[in-house]
Amino acid sequence: MKNSTLIRHTLTHLFIIALGLIMIYPIVWMIVSSFKPNNMIFSDPGLIPKAVTTDNYISGWKGYAGTTFGTFFINALTICALAIIGNLISCTMAAYAFARLKFTGRGLWFAIMMGTMMLPGHVTLVPRYVMFNTFGWVGSILPLVVPKFLATDAFFVFLLVQFIRSLPKEIEEAAIIDGCGKFGVFLRIVVPLAFPAMVTTALFTFLWTWDDFFNHLLYLTRPDTFTVSRALRTFVGDAGAVNNWGGALAMGTLSIIPAFILFFSLQKYFVQGISTTGLKG
């Protein structure tokens, strides 16, 4: 019995390791190829380069239309920071209202909010573009940032609702007895206790905003407003061919660094927030 269990666990771990290597191979290949000369990227596809150069990073960093990739990184980080702030404020307040406050039609509005999660984003694409174009926001970061302050991401509201529902009500009731109002309970009790779920919200918001390409392609029309994901598109020519593979791979390598740093630095809170949100329905 012990031998069969050991064999089964060994095979399981070997399968997981093999699957992990397959998944990580494209990233490793991209990083290694970013240090290869352009004419050797595909002629020498191995993971051990025969020649190493940093010219790809120099040429790629020059950017597009006189705008360097440093500006693209700043634009992307600015949009991500505003999106995180907006989601943390609006989604946490909406989640507290659904989880703890009693108001007319709470169940109906919560069901409508959950229904929006099943609505493909492409369905509202044209109306949103027409509305933002009417406001004169196309060409700026406003269409990407303003909706975050209006709790439009139902997934984060639902995640925070589940977490807040798992918190003991006795703590909030004790604070109310001591003279704390609803807003004070929210700021002094709920927000500190919901920190793991808020970190999860911030992490997902950063990753989804940082990796977003379609909305950035749609609304950011000037090179000085491009983000990293939008700027990587500039390496592709009109005919669909990549003009500078080395620069594209080099800037693609740099683009994954912020996500890696953020995820591994907040991994503990991320796991705690995800595992706790499903304790109570």
C-alpha atoms as a PDB file:
ATOM      1  CA  MET A   1       0.000   0.000   0.000  1.00  0.00           C
ATOM      2  CA  LYS A   2       2.827   2.407   0.917  1.00  0.00           C
ATOM      3  CA  ASN A   3       4.727   1.607  -2.284  1.00  0.00           C
ATOM      4  CA  SER A   4       1.681   2.214  -4.477  1.00  0.00           C
ATOM      5  CA  THR A   5       1.009   5.525  -2.712  1.00  0.00           C
ATOM      6  CA  LEU A   6       4.635   6.572  -3.158  1.00  0.00           C
ATOM      7  CA  ILE A   7       4.555   5.683  -6.856  1.00  0.00           C
ATOM      8  CA  ARG A   8       1.286   7.561  -7.370  1.00  0.00           C
ATOM      9  CA  HIS A   9       2.622  10.689  -5.616  1.00  0.00           C
ATOM     10  CA  THR A  10       5.887  10.490  -7.563  1.00  0.00           C
ATOM     11  CA  LEU A  11       4.077  10.259 -10.893  1.00  0.00           C
ATOM     12  CA  THR A  12       1.794  13.118  -9.902  1.00  0.00           C
ATOM     13  CA  HIS A  13       4.720  15.365  -9.010  1.00  0.00           C
ATOM     14  CA  LEU A  14       6.579  14.437 -12.185  1.00  0.00           C
ATOM     15  CA  PHE A  15       3.498  15.300 -14.246  1.00  0.00           C
ATOM     16  CA  ILE A  16       3.140  18.660 -12.482  1.00  0.00           C
ATOM     17  CA  ILE A  17       6.841  19.436 -12.985  1.00  0.00           C
ATOM     18  CA  ALA A  18       6.667  18.507 -16.676  1.00  0.00           C
ATOM     19  CA  LEU A  19       3.545  20.635 -17.139  1.00  0.00           C
ATOM     20  CA  GLY A  20       5.214  23.542 -15.358  1.00  0.00           C
ATOM     21  CA  LEU A  21       8.293  23.293 -17.601  1.00  0.00           C
ATOM     22  CA  ILE A  22       6.095  23.302 -20.702  1.00  0.00           C
ATOM     23  CA  MET A  23       4.257  26.399 -19.490  1.00  0.00           C
ATOM     24  CA  ILE A  24       7.413  28.302 -18.515  1.00  0.00           C
ATOM     25  CA  TYR A  25       9.375  27.428 -21.672  1.00  0.00           C
ATOM     26  CA  PRO A  26       7.957  30.286 -23.843  1.00  0.00           C
ATOM     27  CA  ILE A  27       8.913  32.842 -21.165  1.00  0.00           C
ATOM     28  CA  VAL A  28      12.427  31.434 -20.826  1.00  0.00           C
ATOM     29  CA  TRP A  29      12.793  31.385 -24.626  1.00  0.00           C
ATOM     30  CA  MET A  30      11.668  35.015 -24.851  1.00  0.00           C
ATOM     31  CA  ILE A  31      14.154  36.137 -22.201  1.00  0.00           C
ATOM     32  CA  VAL A  32      17.047  34.213 -23.767  1.00  0.00           C
ATOM     33  CA  SER A  33      16.170  35.323 -27.312  1.00  0.00           C
ATOM     34  CA  SER A  34      16.068  38.973 -26.240  1.00  0.00           C
ATOM     35  CA  PHE A  35      19.855  38.778 -25.819  1.00  0.00           C
ATOM     36  CA  LYS A  36      20.464  37.209 -29.243  1.00  0.00           C
ATOM     37  CA  PRO A  37      21.279  39.177 -32.414  1.00  0.00           C
ATOM     38  CA  ASN A  38      18.259  39.594 -34.683  1.00  0.00           C
ATOM     39  CA  ASN A  39      19.635  37.247 -37.331  1.00  0.00           C
ATOM     40  CA  MET A  40      20.126  34.439 -34.797  1.00  0.00           C
ATOM     41  CA  ILE A  41      16.768  34.489 -32.980  1.00  0.00           C
ATOM     42  CA  PHE A  42      15.184  31.865 -35.242  1.00  0.00           C
ATOM     43  CA  SER A  43      18.287  30.351 -36.800  1.00  0.00           C
ATOM     44  CA  ASP A  44      19.547  29.484 -33.294  1.00  0.00           C
ATOM     45  CA  PRO A  45      16.359  28.568 -31.351  1.00  0.00           C
ATOM     46  CA  GLY A  46      18.192  26.893 -28.456  1.00  0.00           C
ATOM     47  CA  LEU A  47      18.151  28.182 -24.889  1.00  0.00           C
ATOM     48  CA  ILE A  48      21.938  28.614 -24.854  1.00  0.00           C
ATOM     49  CA  PRO A  49      22.792  31.535 -27.172  1.00  0.00           C
ATOM     50  CA  LYS A  50      25.934  31.370 -29.305  1.00  0.00           C
ATOM     51  CA  ALA A  51      26.246  35.161 -29.176  1.00  0.00           C
ATOM     52  CA  VAL A  52      24.995  37.634 -26.572  1.00  0.00           C
ATOM     53  CA  THR A  53      24.129  41.280 -27.193  1.00  0.00           C
ATOM     54  CA  THR A  54      22.222  44.074 -25.465  1.00  0.00           C
ATOM     55  CA  ASP A  55      21.497  45.973 -28.682  1.00  0.00           C
ATOM     56  CA  ASN A  56      17.909  44.722 -28.649  1.00  0.00           C
ATOM     57  CA  TYR A  57      17.225  46.551 -25.388  1.00  0.00           C
ATOM     58  CA  ILE A  58      18.824  49.728 -26.701  1.00  0.00           C
ATOM     59  CA  SER A  59      16.877  49.686 -29.968  1.00  0.00           C
ATOM     60  CA  GLY A  60      13.645  48.647 -28.279  1.00  0.00           C
ATOM     61  CA  TRP A  61      13.901  51.308 -25.574  1.00  0.00           C
ATOM     62  CA  LYS A  62      13.935  54.037 -28.236  1.00  0.00           C
ATOM     63  CA  GLY A  63      10.210  53.425 -28.545  1.00  0.00           C
ATOM     64  CA  TYR A  64       7.996  54.838 -31.233  1.00  0.00           C
ATOM     65  CA  ALA A  65       7.483  58.253 -32.858  1.00  0.00           C
ATOM     66  CA  GLY A  66      10.045  59.901 -30.593  1.00  0.00           C
ATOM     67  CA  THR A  67       8.497  58.510 -27.413  1.00  0.00           C
ATOM     68  CA  THR A  68      10.704  56.160 -25.416  1.00  0.00           C
ATOM     69  CA  PHE A  69       9.556  53.045 -23.626  1.00  0.00           C
ATOM     70  CA  GLY A  70      10.205  54.851 -20.350  1.00  0.00           C
ATOM     71  CA  THR A  71       7.185  57.029 -21.113  1.00  0.00           C
ATOM     72  CA  PHE A  72       5.145  53.957 -22.002  1.00  0.00           C
ATOM     73  CA  PHE A  73       6.032  52.360 -18.666  1.00  0.00           C
ATOM     74  CA  ILE A  74       5.094  55.525 -16.772  1.00  0.00           C
ATOM     75  CA  ASN A  75       1.760  55.723 -18.615  1.00  0.00           C
ATOM     76  CA  ALA A  76       0.993  52.070 -17.873  1.00  0.00           C
ATOM     77  CA  LEU A  77       1.929  52.387 -14.190  1.00  0.00           C
ATOM     78  CA  THR A  78      -0.167  55.561 -13.871  1.00  0.00           C
ATOM     79  CA  ILE A  79      -3.247  53.903 -15.356  1.00  0.00           C
ATOM     80  CA  CYS A  80      -2.735  50.801 -13.201  1.00  0.00           C
ATOM     81  CA  ALA A  81      -2.338  52.888 -10.032  1.00  0.00           C
ATOM     82  CA  LEU A  82      -5.513  54.880 -10.736  1.00  0.00           C
ATOM     83  CA  ALA A  83      -7.416  51.705 -11.628  1.00  0.00           C
ATOM     84  CA  ILE A  84      -6.326  50.051  -8.367  1.00  0.00           C
ATOM     85  CA  ILE A  85      -7.319  53.087  -6.297  1.00  0.00           C
ATOM     86  CA  GLY A  86     -10.677  53.295  -8.060  1.00  0.00           C
ATOM     87  CA  ASN A  87     -11.492  49.605  -7.638  1.00  0.00           C
ATOM     88  CA  LEU A  88     -10.416  49.512  -3.994  1.00  0.00           C
ATOM     89  CA  ILE A  89     -12.569  52.505  -3.082  1.00  0.00           C
ATOM     90  CA  SER A  90     -15.689  51.802  -5.128  1.00  0.00           C
ATOM     91  CA  CYS A  91     -15.775  47.995  -5.011  1.00  0.00           C
ATOM     92  CA  THR A  92     -15.085  47.843  -1.266  1.00  0.00           C
ATOM     93  CA  MET A  93     -17.865  50.342  -0.522  1.00  0.00           C
ATOM     94  CA  ALA A  94     -20.309  48.526  -2.821  1.00  0.00           C
ATOM     95  CA  ALA A  95     -19.378  45.177  -1.287  1.00  0.00           C
ATOM     96  CA  TYR A  96     -19.917  46.491   2.254  1.00  0.00           C
ATOM     97  CA  ALA A  97     -23.337  47.794   1.245  1.00  0.00           C
ATOM     98  CA  PHE A  98     -24.381  44.437  -0.225  1.00  0.00           C
ATOM     99  CA  ALA A  99     -22.911  42.402   2.637  1.00  0.00           C
ATOM    100  CA  ARG A 100     -23.966  44.413   5.690  1.00  0.00           C
ATOM    101  CA  LEU A 101     -26.425  47.216   4.929  1.00  0.00           C
ATOM    102  CA  LYS A 102     -30.148  46.645   4.515  1.00  0.00           C
ATOM    103  CA  PHE A 103     -31.844  48.652   1.776  1.00  0.00           C
ATOM    104  CA  THR A 104     -34.801  48.203  -0.554  1.00  0.00           C
ATOM    105  CA  GLY A 105     -34.079  45.942  -3.493  1.00  0.00           C
ATOM    106  CA  ARG A 106     -30.718  44.745  -2.214  1.00  0.00           C
ATOM    107  CA  GLY A 107     -31.243  41.215  -3.512  1.00  0.00           C
ATOM    108  CA  LEU A 108     -32.455  42.469  -6.891  1.00  0.00           C
ATOM    109  CA  TRP A 109     -29.541  44.837  -7.387  1.00  0.00           C
ATOM    110  CA  PHE A 110     -27.083  42.160  -6.303  1.00  0.00           C
ATOM    111  CA  ALA A 111     -28.603  39.740  -8.836  1.00  0.00           C
ATOM    112  CA  ILE A 112     -28.353  42.385 -11.578  1.00  0.00           C
ATOM    113  CA  MET A 113     -24.731  42.985 -10.655  1.00  0.00           C
ATOM    114  CA  MET A 114     -23.999  39.242 -10.810  1.00  0.00           C
ATOM    115  CA  GLY A 115     -25.759  39.104 -14.176  1.00  0.00           C
ATOM    116  CA  THR A 116     -23.314  41.631 -15.614  1.00  0.00           C
ATOM    117  CA  MET A 117     -20.514  39.105 -14.998  1.00  0.00           C
ATOM    118  CA  MET A 118     -22.116  36.843 -17.610  1.00  0.00           C
ATOM    119  CA  LEU A 119     -22.402  39.659 -20.169  1.00  0.00           C
ATOM    120  CA  PRO A 120     -19.496  39.629 -22.671  1.00  0.00           C
ATOM    121  CA  GLY A 121     -17.625  42.902 -22.764  1.00  0.00           C
ATOM    122  CA  HIS A 122     -17.898  43.049 -26.560  1.00  0.00           C
ATOM    123  CA  VAL A 123     -21.672  43.443 -26.230  1.00  0.00           C
ATOM    124  CA  THR A 124     -21.252  46.890 -24.656  1.00  0.00           C
ATOM    125  CA  LEU A 125     -18.188  47.821 -26.704  1.00  0.00           C
ATOM    126  CA  VAL A 126     -19.942  50.059 -29.254  1.00  0.00           C
ATOM    127  CA  PRO A 127     -22.214  51.876 -26.758  1.00  0.00           C
ATOM    128  CA  ARG A 128     -19.242  52.526 -24.479  1.00  0.00           C
ATOM    129  CA  TYR A 129     -17.126  53.879 -27.308  1.00  0.00           C
ATOM    130  CA  VAL A 130     -19.957  56.122 -28.531  1.00  0.00           C
ATOM    131  CA  MET A 131     -20.521  57.433 -25.009  1.00  0.00           C
ATOM    132  CA  PHE A 132     -16.835  58.129 -24.339  1.00  0.00           C
ATOM    133  CA  ASN A 133     -16.432  59.710 -27.766  1.00  0.00           C
ATOM    134  CA  THR A 134     -19.398  61.979 -27.007  1.00  0.00           C
ATOM    135  CA  PHE A 135     -17.677  63.008 -23.775  1.00  0.00           C
ATOM    136  CA  GLY A 136     -14.508  63.764 -25.750  1.00  0.00           C
ATOM    137  CA  TRP A 137     -12.521  61.215 -23.744  1.00  0.00           C
ATOM    138  CA  VAL A 138     -11.196  59.132 -26.657  1.00  0.00           C
ATOM    139  CA  GLY A 139      -7.460  59.713 -26.914  1.00  0.00           C
ATOM    140  CA  SER A 140      -7.020  60.028 -23.141  1.00  0.00           C
ATOM    141  CA  ILE A 141      -6.817  57.662 -20.181  1.00  0.00           C
ATOM    142  CA  LEU A 142     -10.246  58.672 -18.845  1.00  0.00           C
ATOM    143  CA  PRO A 143     -12.205  55.766 -20.470  1.00  0.00           C
ATOM    144  CA  LEU A 144      -9.781  53.347 -18.799  1.00  0.00           C
ATOM    145  CA  VAL A 145      -9.781  54.974 -15.362  1.00  0.00           C
ATOM    146  CA  VAL A 146     -13.128  56.670 -14.632  1.00  0.00           C
ATOM    147  CA  PRO A 147     -15.258  53.452 -14.767  1.00  0.00           C
ATOM    148  CA  LYS A 148     -13.045  51.946 -12.043  1.00  0.00           C
ATOM    149  CA  PHE A 149     -14.325  54.587  -9.605  1.00  0.00           C
ATOM    150  CA  LEU A 150     -17.923  53.488 -10.299  1.00  0.00           C
ATOM    151  CA  ALA A 151     -17.613  49.825  -9.181  1.00  0.00           C
ATOM    152  CA  THR A 152     -18.053  48.479 -12.698  1.00  0.00           C
ATOM    153  CA  ASP A 153     -15.975  45.338 -12.028  1.00  0.00           C
ATOM    154  CA  ALA A 154     -18.619  43.010 -10.594  1.00  0.00           C
ATOM    155  CA  PHE A 155     -16.094  40.247  -9.987  1.00  0.00           C
ATOM    156  CA  PHE A 156     -14.251  42.292  -7.371  1.00  0.00           C
ATOM    157  CA  VAL A 157     -17.501  43.374  -5.716  1.00  0.00           C
ATOM    158  CA  PHE A 158     -18.557  39.724  -5.450  1.00  0.00           C
ATOM    159  CA  LEU A 159     -15.128  38.682  -4.111  1.00  0.00           C
ATOM    160  CA  LEU A 160     -15.207  41.376  -1.431  1.00  0.00           C
ATOM    161  CA  VAL A 161     -18.836  40.600  -0.547  1.00  0.00           C
ATOM    162  CA  GLN A 162     -17.908  36.982   0.133  1.00  0.00           C
ATOM    163  CA  PHE A 163     -14.972  38.033   2.290  1.00  0.00           C
ATOM    164  CA  ILE A 164     -16.934  40.600   4.304  1.00  0.00           C
ATOM    165  CA  ARG A 165     -19.706  38.062   4.914  1.00  0.00           C
ATOM    166  CA  SER A 166     -17.121  35.737   6.455  1.00  0.00           C
ATOM    167  CA  LEU A 167     -16.154  38.374   9.053  1.00  0.00           C
ATOM    168  CA  PRO A 168     -17.797  37.993  12.484  1.00  0.00           C
ATOM    169  CA  LYS A 169     -20.645  40.486  12.964  1.00  0.00           C
ATOM    170  CA  GLU A 170     -19.951  40.649  16.701  1.00  0.00           C
ATOM    171  CA  ILE A 171     -16.943  42.899  16.116  1.00  0.00           C
ATOM    172  CA  GLU A 172     -19.029  45.392  14.172  1.00  0.00           C
ATOM    173  CA  GLU A 173     -21.865  45.241  16.715  1.00  0.00           C
ATOM    174  CA  ALA A 174     -19.419  45.941  19.535  1.00  0.00           C
ATOM    175  CA  ALA A 175     -18.100  48.976  17.652  1.00  0.00           C
ATOM    176  CA  ILE A 176     -21.660  50.272  17.115  1.00  0.00           C
ATOM    177  CA  ILE A 177     -22.390  49.880  20.840  1.00  0.00           C
ATOM    178  CA  ASP A 178     -19.291  51.965  21.555  1.00  0.00           C
ATOM    179  CA  GLY A 179     -20.756  54.743  19.431  1.00  0.00           C
ATOM    180  CA  CYS A 180     -19.213  54.037  16.046  1.00  0.00           C
ATOM    181  CA  GLY A 181     -21.421  54.752  13.035  1.00  0.00           C
ATOM    182  CA  LYS A 182     -21.771  52.719   9.872  1.00  0.00           C
ATOM    183  CA  PHE A 183     -19.080  54.678   8.056  1.00  0.00           C
ATOM    184  CA  GLY A 184     -16.778  54.396  11.053  1.00  0.00           C
ATOM    185  CA  VAL A 185     -17.354  50.630  11.191  1.00  0.00           C
ATOM    186  CA  PHE A 186     -16.502  50.436   7.509  1.00  0.00           C
ATOM    187  CA  LEU A 187     -13.259  52.404   7.822  1.00  0.00           C
ATOM    188  CA  ARG A 188     -12.030  51.164  11.208  1.00  0.00           C
ATOM    189  CA  ILE A 189     -13.269  47.560  11.279  1.00  0.00           C
ATOM    190  CA  VAL A 190     -14.147  46.213   7.832  1.00  0.00           C
ATOM    191  CA  VAL A 191     -11.337  47.754   5.775  1.00  0.00           C
ATOM    192  CA  PRO A 192      -8.476  46.528   8.028  1.00  0.00           C
ATOM    193  CA  LEU A 193      -9.992  43.039   8.315  1.00  0.00           C
ATOM    194  CA  ALA A 194     -10.646  42.846   4.570  1.00  0.00           C
ATOM    195  CA  PHE A 195      -7.029  43.697   3.745  1.00  0.00           C
ATOM    196  CA  PRO A 196      -6.213  40.261   2.184  1.00  0.00           C
ATOM    197  CA  ALA A 197      -9.215  40.474  -0.157  1.00  0.00           C
ATOM    198  CA  MET A 198      -8.315  44.062  -1.032  1.00  0.00           C
ATOM    199  CA  VAL A 199      -4.763  42.974  -1.872  1.00  0.00           C
ATOM    200  CA  THR A 200      -6.226  40.294  -4.138  1.00  0.00           C
ATOM    201  CA  THR A 201      -8.396  42.939  -5.794  1.00  0.00           C
ATOM    202  CA  ALA A 202      -5.410  45.231  -6.270  1.00  0.00           C
ATOM    203  CA  LEU A 203      -3.275  42.439  -7.713  1.00  0.00           C
ATOM    204  CA  PHE A 204      -5.913  41.280 -10.200  1.00  0.00           C
ATOM    205  CA  THR A 205      -6.662  44.882 -11.181  1.00  0.00           C
ATOM    206  CA  PHE A 206      -2.991  45.523 -11.860  1.00  0.00           C
ATOM    207  CA  LEU A 207      -2.535  42.356 -13.924  1.00  0.00           C
ATOM    208  CA  TRP A 208      -5.699  42.839 -15.968  1.00  0.00           C
ATOM    209  CA  THR A 209      -4.991  46.533 -16.597  1.00  0.00           C
ATOM    210  CA  TRP A 210      -1.305  46.002 -17.329  1.00  0.00           C
ATOM    211  CA  ASP A 211      -1.998  43.165 -19.786  1.00  0.00           C
ATOM    212  CA  ASP A 212      -5.019  44.806 -21.390  1.00  0.00           C
ATOM    213  CA  PHE A 213      -4.418  45.471 -25.068  1.00  0.00           C
ATOM    214  CA  PHE A 214      -7.783  45.836 -26.767  1.00  0.00           C
ATOM    215  CA  ASN A 215      -9.106  48.743 -24.689  1.00  0.00           C
ATOM    216  CA  HIS A 216      -5.766  50.516 -24.844  1.00  0.00           C
ATOM    217  CA  LEU A 217      -5.707  50.052 -28.613  1.00  0.00           C
ATOM    218  CA  LEU A 218      -9.240  51.419 -28.817  1.00  0.00           C
ATOM    219  CA  TYR A 219      -8.932  54.532 -26.641  1.00  0.00           C
ATOM    220  CA  LEU A 220      -5.231  55.498 -26.654  1.00  0.00           C
ATOM    221  CA  THR A 221      -4.676  57.074 -30.054  1.00  0.00           C
ATOM    222  CA  ARG A 222      -1.599  59.283 -29.450  1.00  0.00           C
ATOM    223  CA  PRO A 223       1.931  57.864 -29.005  1.00  0.00           C
ATOM    224  CA  ASP A 224       2.519  59.977 -25.888  1.00  0.00           C
ATOM    225  CA  THR A 225      -0.419  58.194 -24.175  1.00  0.00           C
ATOM    226  CA  PHE A 226       0.536  54.636 -25.194  1.00  0.00           C
ATOM    227  CA  THR A 227       1.007  52.012 -22.501  1.00  0.00           C
ATOM    228  CA  VAL A 228       3.452  49.098 -22.642  1.00  0.00           C
ATOM    229  CA  SER A 229       0.928  46.647 -24.093  1.00  0.00           C
ATOM    230  CA  ARG A 230      -0.164  49.223 -26.695  1.00  0.00           C
ATOM    231  CA  ALA A 231       3.417  50.187 -27.528  1.00  0.00           C
ATOM    232  CA  LEU A 232       4.464  46.583 -28.170  1.00  0.00           C
ATOM    233  CA  ARG A 233       2.058  46.666 -31.112  1.00  0.00           C
ATOM    234  CA  THR A 234       4.273  49.280 -32.778  1.00  0.00           C
ATOM    235  CA  PHE A 235       6.892  46.593 -33.500  1.00  0.00           C
ATOM    236  CA  VAL A 236       4.419  45.040 -35.963  1.00  0.00           C
ATOM    237  CA  GLY A 237       4.421  46.538 -39.453  1.00  0.00           C
ATOM    238  CA  ASP A 238       1.423  47.301 -41.649  1.00  0.00           C
ATOM    239  CA  ALA A 239       1.687  43.910 -43.335  1.00  0.00           C
ATOM    240  CA  GLY A 240       1.555  42.111 -40.000  1.00  0.00           C
ATOM    241  CA  ALA A 241       5.289  41.305 -39.928  1.00  0.00           C
ATOM    242  CA  VAL A 242       7.456  42.169 -36.945  1.00  0.00           C
ATOM    243  CA  ASN A 243      10.146  44.591 -38.058  1.00  0.00           C
ATOM    244  CA  ASN A 244      12.341  44.270 -34.978  1.00  0.00           C
ATOM    245  CA  TRP A 245      12.032  40.880 -33.286  1.00  0.00           C
ATOM    246  CA  GLY A 246      14.909  41.554 -30.917  1.00  0.00           C
ATOM    247  CA  GLY A 247      13.430  44.843 -29.706  1.00  0.00           C
ATOM    248  CA  ALA A 248       9.971  43.294 -29.345  1.00  0.00           C
ATOM    249  CA  LEU A 249      11.313  40.396 -27.267  1.00  0.00           C
ATOM    250  CA  ALA A 250      13.485  42.722 -25.163  1.00  0.00           C
ATOM    251  CA  MET A 251      10.624  45.063 -24.311  1.00  0.00           C
ATOM    252  CA  GLY A 252       8.333  42.069 -23.786  1.00  0.00           C
ATOM    253  CA  THR A 253      10.840  40.755 -21.243  1.00  0.00           C
ATOM    254  CA  LEU A 254      10.885  44.081 -19.405  1.00  0.00           C
ATOM    255  CA  SER A 255       7.083  44.227 -19.435  1.00  0.00           C
ATOM    256  CA  ILE A 256       6.716  41.088 -17.293  1.00  0.00           C
ATOM    257  CA  ILE A 257       9.035  42.317 -14.517  1.00  0.00           C
ATOM    258  CA  PRO A 258       6.471  44.530 -12.659  1.00  0.00           C
ATOM    259  CA  ALA A 259       3.891  41.722 -12.630  1.00  0.00           C
ATOM    260  CA  PHE A 260       6.431  39.233 -11.254  1.00  0.00           C
ATOM    261  CA  ILE A 261       7.598  41.624  -8.550  1.00  0.00           C
ATOM    262  CA  LEU A 262       4.067  42.515  -7.464  1.00  0.00           C
ATOM    263  CA  PHE A 263       2.788  38.934  -7.441  1.00  0.00           C
ATOM    264  CA  PHE A 264       5.669  37.403  -5.484  1.00  0.00           C
ATOM    265  CA  SER A 265       5.783  40.266  -2.964  1.00  0.00           C
ATOM    266  CA  LEU A 266       2.033  39.964  -2.249  1.00  0.00           C
ATOM    267  CA  GLN A 267       1.667  36.203  -2.715  1.00  0.00           C
ATOM    268  CA  LYS A 268       0.863  35.539   0.957  1.00  0.00           C
ATOM    269  CA  TYR A 269      -2.054  37.997   1.012  1.00  0.00           C
ATOM    270  CA  PHE A 270      -3.206  36.851  -2.423  1.00  0.00           C
ATOM    271  CA  VAL A 271      -3.538  33.212  -1.311  1.00  0.00           C
ATOM    272  CA  GLN A 272      -5.209  34.251   1.936  1.00  0.00           C
ATOM    273  CA  GLY A 273      -7.715  36.468   0.150  1.00  0.00           C
ATOM    274  CA  ILE A 274      -8.639  33.823  -2.420  1.00  0.00           C
ATOM    275  CA  SER A 275      -8.948  30.979   0.107  1.00  0.00           C
ATOM    276  CA  THR A 276     -11.099  32.980   2.535  1.00  0.00           C
ATOM    277  CA  THR A 277     -13.670  34.375   0.105  1.00  0.00           C
ATOM    278  CA  GLY A 278     -15.366  30.989  -0.302  1.00  0.00           C
ATOM    279  CA  LEU A 279     -15.895  30.182   3.372  1.00  0.00           C
ATOM    280  CA  LYS A 280     -19.356  31.667   3.622  1.00  0.00           C
ATOM    281  CA  GLY A 281     -22.029  32.073   0.954  1.00  0.00           C
END
